[in-house]
N, C-alpha and C. Protein backbone atom coordinates (compact mmCIF):
# COMPACT_ATOMS: atom_id res chain seq x y z
N MET A 1 8.81 -40.90 -18.55
CA MET A 1 9.92 -39.89 -18.35
C MET A 1 9.58 -38.76 -19.10
N ALA A 2 9.95 -37.57 -18.59
CA ALA A 2 9.63 -36.32 -19.41
C ALA A 2 10.48 -36.12 -20.51
N ASN A 3 9.84 -35.61 -21.59
CA ASN A 3 10.61 -35.42 -22.72
C ASN A 3 11.20 -33.92 -22.87
N GLU A 4 10.50 -32.84 -22.25
CA GLU A 4 11.03 -31.65 -22.16
C GLU A 4 10.69 -31.12 -20.76
N PHE A 5 11.53 -29.90 -20.46
CA PHE A 5 11.49 -29.29 -19.24
C PHE A 5 11.51 -27.89 -19.55
N TRP A 6 10.70 -27.08 -18.62
CA TRP A 6 10.73 -25.83 -18.81
C TRP A 6 10.33 -25.20 -17.50
N LEU A 7 10.77 -23.93 -17.17
CA LEU A 7 10.42 -23.25 -16.10
C LEU A 7 9.41 -22.11 -16.24
N ASN A 8 8.63 -21.92 -15.33
CA ASN A 8 7.43 -20.91 -15.49
C ASN A 8 7.71 -19.71 -14.45
N LEU A 9 7.48 -18.47 -14.95
CA LEU A 9 7.73 -17.33 -14.05
C LEU A 9 6.60 -16.51 -14.17
N PRO A 10 6.05 -15.89 -13.10
CA PRO A 10 5.12 -14.79 -13.27
C PRO A 10 5.69 -13.39 -13.54
N VAL A 11 5.09 -12.70 -14.34
CA VAL A 11 5.45 -11.34 -14.64
C VAL A 11 4.22 -10.35 -14.53
N LYS A 12 4.51 -9.08 -14.39
CA LYS A 12 3.54 -8.11 -14.25
C LYS A 12 3.00 -7.52 -15.53
N ASN A 13 3.96 -7.53 -16.47
CA ASN A 13 3.53 -7.04 -17.87
C ASN A 13 4.43 -7.82 -18.96
N ILE A 14 3.67 -8.69 -19.66
CA ILE A 14 4.48 -9.56 -20.67
C ILE A 14 5.14 -8.78 -21.78
N ASP A 15 4.66 -7.58 -22.16
CA ASP A 15 5.29 -7.04 -23.22
C ASP A 15 6.58 -6.22 -22.60
N ARG A 16 6.57 -5.73 -21.44
CA ARG A 16 7.69 -5.17 -20.75
C ARG A 16 8.86 -6.31 -20.53
N SER A 17 8.45 -7.46 -20.06
CA SER A 17 9.35 -8.64 -19.87
C SER A 17 10.01 -9.03 -21.22
N LYS A 18 9.24 -9.06 -22.27
CA LYS A 18 9.77 -9.45 -23.65
C LYS A 18 10.71 -8.29 -24.01
N GLU A 19 10.45 -6.97 -23.84
CA GLU A 19 11.43 -5.97 -24.15
C GLU A 19 12.84 -6.12 -23.43
N PHE A 20 12.65 -6.41 -21.97
CA PHE A 20 13.90 -6.50 -21.09
C PHE A 20 14.69 -7.54 -21.69
N PHE A 21 14.16 -8.78 -21.84
CA PHE A 21 15.05 -9.97 -22.24
C PHE A 21 15.48 -9.78 -23.73
N THR A 22 14.72 -9.18 -24.53
CA THR A 22 15.24 -9.06 -25.99
C THR A 22 16.50 -8.06 -26.00
N VAL A 23 16.53 -7.03 -25.02
CA VAL A 23 17.62 -6.18 -24.93
C VAL A 23 18.90 -6.97 -24.46
N LEU A 24 18.64 -8.04 -23.74
CA LEU A 24 19.69 -8.80 -23.22
C LEU A 24 20.37 -9.73 -24.40
N GLY A 25 19.58 -9.84 -25.39
CA GLY A 25 20.01 -10.70 -26.59
C GLY A 25 19.27 -12.01 -26.54
N PHE A 26 18.28 -12.31 -25.81
CA PHE A 26 17.60 -13.52 -25.65
C PHE A 26 16.55 -13.54 -26.84
N LYS A 27 16.05 -14.64 -27.19
CA LYS A 27 14.90 -14.71 -28.20
C LYS A 27 13.75 -15.48 -27.64
N PHE A 28 12.64 -15.23 -28.30
CA PHE A 28 11.50 -15.86 -27.93
C PHE A 28 10.83 -16.76 -29.15
N SER A 29 10.04 -17.79 -28.72
CA SER A 29 9.31 -18.65 -29.57
C SER A 29 8.19 -17.99 -30.16
N ASN A 30 7.62 -17.93 -31.33
CA ASN A 30 6.24 -17.59 -31.64
C ASN A 30 5.40 -18.78 -31.71
N GLY A 31 5.86 -19.99 -31.35
CA GLY A 31 4.96 -21.21 -31.36
C GLY A 31 3.99 -21.30 -30.17
N PRO A 32 3.66 -22.59 -29.92
CA PRO A 32 2.96 -22.83 -28.78
C PRO A 32 3.20 -22.28 -27.47
N GLY A 33 2.45 -21.39 -26.92
CA GLY A 33 2.67 -20.63 -25.45
C GLY A 33 2.78 -19.04 -25.81
N ALA A 34 2.82 -18.77 -27.10
CA ALA A 34 3.06 -17.36 -27.44
C ALA A 34 1.60 -16.76 -27.54
N THR A 35 1.15 -16.09 -26.46
CA THR A 35 -0.23 -15.50 -26.34
C THR A 35 -0.09 -14.22 -25.99
N PRO A 36 -1.05 -13.33 -25.79
CA PRO A 36 -1.19 -12.13 -25.27
C PRO A 36 -0.66 -11.95 -23.70
N VAL A 37 -0.97 -13.15 -23.01
CA VAL A 37 -0.48 -13.15 -21.61
C VAL A 37 0.51 -14.14 -21.16
N SER A 38 1.43 -14.61 -22.37
CA SER A 38 2.51 -15.65 -22.10
C SER A 38 3.41 -15.39 -23.21
N ALA A 39 4.61 -15.80 -22.76
CA ALA A 39 5.81 -15.72 -23.76
C ALA A 39 6.88 -16.78 -23.58
N PRO A 40 7.12 -17.62 -24.66
CA PRO A 40 8.22 -18.57 -24.46
C PRO A 40 9.65 -18.02 -24.54
N LEU A 41 10.33 -17.77 -23.49
CA LEU A 41 11.78 -17.33 -23.58
C LEU A 41 12.68 -18.53 -23.78
N LEU A 42 13.53 -18.27 -24.80
CA LEU A 42 14.41 -19.41 -25.18
C LEU A 42 15.81 -19.09 -24.64
N ILE A 43 16.45 -20.03 -23.89
CA ILE A 43 17.82 -19.74 -23.31
C ILE A 43 18.89 -20.77 -23.73
N GLY A 44 19.82 -20.44 -24.23
CA GLY A 44 20.93 -21.36 -24.65
C GLY A 44 20.92 -22.04 -25.86
N LYS A 45 21.81 -22.93 -26.18
CA LYS A 45 21.94 -23.48 -27.50
C LYS A 45 20.92 -24.55 -27.53
N LYS A 46 20.40 -25.08 -26.50
CA LYS A 46 19.39 -26.06 -26.58
C LYS A 46 17.87 -25.56 -26.40
N ASP A 47 17.87 -24.15 -26.42
CA ASP A 47 16.54 -23.58 -26.20
C ASP A 47 15.76 -23.95 -24.95
N VAL A 48 16.47 -23.88 -23.87
CA VAL A 48 15.64 -24.25 -22.77
C VAL A 48 14.54 -23.10 -22.61
N MET A 49 13.27 -23.67 -22.27
CA MET A 49 12.21 -22.68 -22.27
C MET A 49 11.84 -22.07 -20.87
N VAL A 50 11.84 -20.91 -20.75
CA VAL A 50 11.20 -20.21 -19.63
C VAL A 50 10.03 -19.55 -19.96
N MET A 51 8.95 -20.13 -19.44
CA MET A 51 7.46 -19.55 -19.81
C MET A 51 7.24 -18.36 -18.98
N LEU A 52 7.00 -17.25 -19.57
CA LEU A 52 6.70 -15.94 -18.77
C LEU A 52 5.17 -15.78 -18.90
N PHE A 53 4.59 -15.74 -17.64
CA PHE A 53 3.07 -15.66 -17.61
C PHE A 53 2.68 -14.59 -16.89
N GLU A 54 1.77 -13.64 -17.35
CA GLU A 54 1.23 -12.48 -16.47
C GLU A 54 0.73 -13.10 -15.20
N GLU A 55 0.76 -12.32 -14.23
CA GLU A 55 0.66 -12.81 -12.76
C GLU A 55 -0.70 -13.55 -12.67
N ALA A 56 -1.86 -12.89 -13.10
CA ALA A 56 -3.18 -13.53 -13.05
C ALA A 56 -3.27 -14.95 -13.71
N THR A 57 -2.69 -15.17 -14.81
CA THR A 57 -2.54 -16.50 -15.34
C THR A 57 -1.78 -17.51 -14.58
N PHE A 58 -0.53 -17.07 -14.04
CA PHE A 58 0.04 -17.74 -13.19
C PHE A 58 -0.54 -18.23 -12.07
N LYS A 59 -1.17 -17.29 -11.32
CA LYS A 59 -1.84 -17.54 -9.99
C LYS A 59 -2.97 -18.58 -10.49
N GLY A 60 -3.63 -18.61 -11.58
CA GLY A 60 -4.49 -19.62 -11.93
C GLY A 60 -4.20 -21.08 -12.00
N PHE A 61 -2.70 -21.12 -12.47
CA PHE A 61 -2.20 -22.32 -12.43
C PHE A 61 -1.76 -22.99 -11.12
N VAL A 62 -1.31 -22.24 -10.17
CA VAL A 62 -0.85 -22.67 -8.87
C VAL A 62 -1.77 -22.46 -7.69
N ASN A 63 -2.85 -21.72 -7.90
CA ASN A 63 -3.79 -21.59 -6.76
C ASN A 63 -3.05 -21.28 -5.47
N ARG A 64 -2.10 -20.27 -5.71
CA ARG A 64 -1.32 -19.74 -4.46
C ARG A 64 -0.99 -18.36 -4.71
N GLU A 65 -0.44 -17.63 -3.69
CA GLU A 65 0.02 -16.42 -3.83
C GLU A 65 1.35 -16.57 -4.55
N ILE A 66 1.88 -15.32 -5.33
CA ILE A 66 3.12 -15.44 -5.78
C ILE A 66 4.23 -14.76 -4.84
N THR A 67 5.32 -15.29 -4.81
CA THR A 67 6.50 -14.73 -3.96
C THR A 67 6.82 -13.36 -4.32
N ASP A 68 6.86 -12.63 -3.03
CA ASP A 68 7.15 -11.15 -3.24
C ASP A 68 8.59 -10.96 -3.46
N THR A 69 8.99 -10.75 -4.66
CA THR A 69 10.45 -10.74 -5.12
C THR A 69 11.18 -9.43 -4.40
N LYS A 70 10.28 -8.61 -3.86
CA LYS A 70 11.04 -7.55 -3.29
C LYS A 70 11.51 -7.80 -1.84
N THR A 71 10.99 -8.97 -1.35
CA THR A 71 11.57 -9.32 0.08
C THR A 71 12.19 -10.77 -0.05
N ALA A 72 11.96 -11.54 -0.97
CA ALA A 72 12.35 -12.88 -1.09
C ALA A 72 12.85 -13.34 -2.45
N CYS A 73 13.61 -14.37 -2.45
CA CYS A 73 14.23 -14.94 -3.69
C CYS A 73 13.59 -16.36 -3.84
N GLU A 74 12.91 -16.70 -4.99
CA GLU A 74 12.34 -18.00 -5.01
C GLU A 74 13.20 -18.79 -5.73
N VAL A 75 14.11 -18.25 -6.54
CA VAL A 75 15.00 -19.25 -7.44
C VAL A 75 16.15 -18.10 -7.99
N LEU A 76 17.22 -18.79 -8.18
CA LEU A 76 18.45 -18.22 -8.93
C LEU A 76 18.54 -18.80 -10.27
N LEU A 77 18.32 -18.14 -11.31
CA LEU A 77 18.34 -18.73 -12.74
C LEU A 77 19.74 -18.29 -13.10
N SER A 78 20.61 -19.38 -13.50
CA SER A 78 21.81 -19.05 -14.00
C SER A 78 22.01 -19.47 -15.45
N PHE A 79 22.93 -18.62 -16.10
CA PHE A 79 23.31 -18.92 -17.47
C PHE A 79 24.70 -18.55 -17.77
N ASP A 80 25.32 -19.12 -18.66
CA ASP A 80 26.80 -18.59 -18.86
C ASP A 80 26.94 -17.73 -19.89
N ALA A 81 28.20 -17.19 -19.90
CA ALA A 81 28.62 -16.17 -20.87
C ALA A 81 30.01 -16.62 -21.42
N SER A 82 30.44 -16.19 -22.59
CA SER A 82 31.54 -16.75 -23.16
C SER A 82 32.88 -16.02 -22.85
N SER A 83 32.69 -15.01 -22.13
CA SER A 83 33.87 -14.12 -21.47
C SER A 83 33.44 -13.42 -20.33
N LYS A 84 34.61 -12.65 -19.73
CA LYS A 84 34.34 -11.79 -18.72
C LYS A 84 33.61 -10.42 -19.29
N GLU A 85 34.16 -10.17 -20.38
CA GLU A 85 33.44 -9.00 -20.99
C GLU A 85 32.12 -9.17 -21.48
N GLU A 86 31.60 -10.44 -21.76
CA GLU A 86 30.18 -10.53 -22.06
C GLU A 86 29.51 -10.48 -20.73
N VAL A 87 30.01 -10.92 -19.47
CA VAL A 87 29.28 -10.91 -18.37
C VAL A 87 28.93 -9.39 -18.13
N ASP A 88 30.15 -8.51 -18.24
CA ASP A 88 30.12 -7.00 -17.91
C ASP A 88 28.95 -6.45 -18.79
N GLU A 89 29.02 -6.87 -20.13
CA GLU A 89 27.99 -6.23 -21.06
C GLU A 89 26.67 -6.57 -20.74
N ILE A 90 26.34 -7.93 -20.35
CA ILE A 90 25.04 -8.30 -20.07
C ILE A 90 24.58 -7.56 -18.66
N ALA A 91 25.45 -7.48 -17.72
CA ALA A 91 25.10 -6.64 -16.56
C ALA A 91 24.62 -5.34 -16.88
N ARG A 92 25.46 -4.68 -17.77
CA ARG A 92 25.29 -3.18 -18.06
C ARG A 92 23.92 -3.09 -18.85
N LYS A 93 23.62 -4.01 -19.81
CA LYS A 93 22.32 -3.90 -20.53
C LYS A 93 21.24 -4.34 -19.59
N ALA A 94 21.40 -5.23 -18.62
CA ALA A 94 20.15 -5.34 -17.54
C ALA A 94 19.96 -4.35 -16.86
N VAL A 95 20.87 -3.39 -16.44
CA VAL A 95 20.50 -2.30 -15.62
C VAL A 95 20.03 -1.30 -16.42
N ALA A 96 20.50 -1.05 -17.77
CA ALA A 96 19.99 -0.13 -18.72
C ALA A 96 18.51 -0.24 -19.12
N ALA A 97 18.23 -1.59 -19.13
CA ALA A 97 16.96 -1.90 -19.55
C ALA A 97 15.97 -2.05 -18.56
N GLY A 98 16.11 -1.61 -17.32
CA GLY A 98 15.37 -1.49 -16.04
C GLY A 98 15.63 -2.63 -15.06
N GLY A 99 16.54 -3.37 -15.15
CA GLY A 99 16.88 -4.33 -14.12
C GLY A 99 17.75 -3.78 -13.11
N LYS A 100 18.01 -4.58 -11.98
CA LYS A 100 18.63 -3.80 -10.69
C LYS A 100 19.74 -4.89 -10.41
N THR A 101 20.89 -4.44 -9.83
CA THR A 101 21.93 -5.14 -9.25
C THR A 101 22.58 -4.58 -8.07
N THR A 102 23.06 -5.22 -7.21
CA THR A 102 23.82 -4.66 -6.18
C THR A 102 25.05 -5.53 -6.13
N HIS A 103 25.28 -6.33 -7.15
CA HIS A 103 26.40 -7.37 -7.28
C HIS A 103 27.35 -6.78 -8.47
N ILE A 104 28.36 -6.14 -8.22
CA ILE A 104 29.10 -5.67 -9.48
C ILE A 104 29.83 -7.00 -10.13
N PRO A 105 29.82 -7.09 -11.35
CA PRO A 105 30.56 -8.21 -11.97
C PRO A 105 31.98 -8.40 -11.33
N SER A 106 32.31 -9.62 -10.87
CA SER A 106 33.54 -9.74 -10.13
C SER A 106 33.80 -11.35 -10.07
N GLU A 107 35.15 -11.58 -9.67
CA GLU A 107 35.53 -12.93 -9.46
C GLU A 107 34.70 -13.56 -8.30
N MET A 108 34.19 -14.75 -8.51
CA MET A 108 33.43 -15.67 -7.64
C MET A 108 34.33 -16.78 -7.05
N LYS A 109 33.87 -17.54 -6.28
CA LYS A 109 34.55 -18.67 -5.69
C LYS A 109 34.89 -19.74 -6.98
N GLY A 110 36.11 -20.26 -6.83
CA GLY A 110 36.72 -21.14 -7.82
C GLY A 110 36.89 -20.29 -9.07
N PRO A 111 36.63 -21.01 -10.35
CA PRO A 111 37.13 -20.39 -11.51
C PRO A 111 35.96 -19.65 -12.17
N MET A 112 35.16 -18.93 -11.54
CA MET A 112 34.04 -18.32 -11.84
C MET A 112 34.01 -16.75 -11.83
N TYR A 113 33.55 -16.03 -12.87
CA TYR A 113 33.42 -14.63 -12.89
C TYR A 113 31.92 -14.35 -13.19
N GLY A 114 31.27 -13.54 -12.32
CA GLY A 114 29.79 -13.40 -12.70
C GLY A 114 29.23 -12.04 -12.15
N CYS A 115 27.85 -12.20 -12.32
CA CYS A 115 27.05 -10.92 -11.72
C CYS A 115 25.70 -11.56 -11.51
N VAL A 116 24.96 -11.08 -10.29
CA VAL A 116 23.67 -11.40 -10.07
C VAL A 116 22.86 -10.17 -10.36
N PHE A 117 21.74 -10.18 -11.16
CA PHE A 117 20.95 -8.96 -11.32
C PHE A 117 19.38 -9.56 -11.40
N SER A 118 18.57 -8.49 -11.23
CA SER A 118 17.13 -9.02 -11.07
C SER A 118 16.55 -8.27 -12.45
N ASP A 119 15.54 -8.92 -12.89
CA ASP A 119 14.71 -8.52 -14.02
C ASP A 119 13.61 -7.37 -13.37
N PRO A 120 12.77 -6.88 -14.23
CA PRO A 120 12.07 -5.82 -13.75
C PRO A 120 10.94 -6.41 -12.87
N ASP A 121 10.72 -7.78 -12.80
CA ASP A 121 9.76 -8.49 -11.97
C ASP A 121 10.48 -8.96 -10.55
N GLY A 122 11.81 -8.62 -10.42
CA GLY A 122 12.52 -9.07 -9.27
C GLY A 122 13.06 -10.52 -9.32
N HIS A 123 13.00 -11.13 -10.34
CA HIS A 123 13.54 -12.59 -10.39
C HIS A 123 15.01 -12.40 -10.55
N GLN A 124 15.67 -13.30 -9.90
CA GLN A 124 17.23 -13.21 -9.86
C GLN A 124 17.94 -14.00 -10.78
N TRP A 125 18.80 -13.41 -11.66
CA TRP A 125 19.53 -14.01 -12.74
C TRP A 125 20.97 -13.97 -12.38
N ASN A 126 21.62 -15.10 -12.62
CA ASN A 126 22.96 -15.09 -12.34
C ASN A 126 23.91 -15.53 -13.83
N VAL A 127 24.42 -14.45 -14.22
CA VAL A 127 25.36 -14.60 -15.49
C VAL A 127 26.75 -15.11 -15.02
N LEU A 128 27.39 -16.12 -15.53
CA LEU A 128 28.77 -16.58 -15.15
C LEU A 128 29.56 -16.85 -16.43
N TYR A 129 30.83 -16.48 -16.25
CA TYR A 129 31.91 -16.93 -17.18
C TYR A 129 32.73 -18.05 -16.27
N LEU A 130 32.66 -19.04 -16.92
CA LEU A 130 33.56 -20.23 -16.22
C LEU A 130 34.84 -20.41 -16.93
N ALA A 131 35.90 -19.97 -16.21
CA ALA A 131 37.33 -20.01 -16.71
C ALA A 131 37.57 -21.52 -16.83
N ARG A 132 38.02 -22.03 -18.05
CA ARG A 132 38.50 -23.46 -18.29
C ARG A 132 39.85 -23.51 -17.86
N GLN A 133 40.27 -24.52 -17.05
CA GLN A 133 41.53 -24.61 -16.61
C GLN A 133 42.36 -25.83 -17.19
């Protein structure tokens, strides 16, 4: 059985991606996987790893074309926030750092408040505050 799990995403410029996610408050590991063409992005209290690979390196792994994120969404990556205000702040920072959104932070179905934004490479991220009832 697997001991660890991580996601892999292609990016056009590893330094630009690191800058974007650092502005949002995320951290990166300097350990295995940290190279000039890749960066281990850590998310959450358990440090779930999202490996960012420059596109040429990523293509070398999958031997396929990469999804055109201008016309399609390959995955929605979701993470939580501790309050509605934190959702608003992350959405603001994402846009200020070069991300995009057409989804203003708002109440969603059920006890959720959130916002969907795209990073500079067009990957879709969903930040949610889950109201505890």
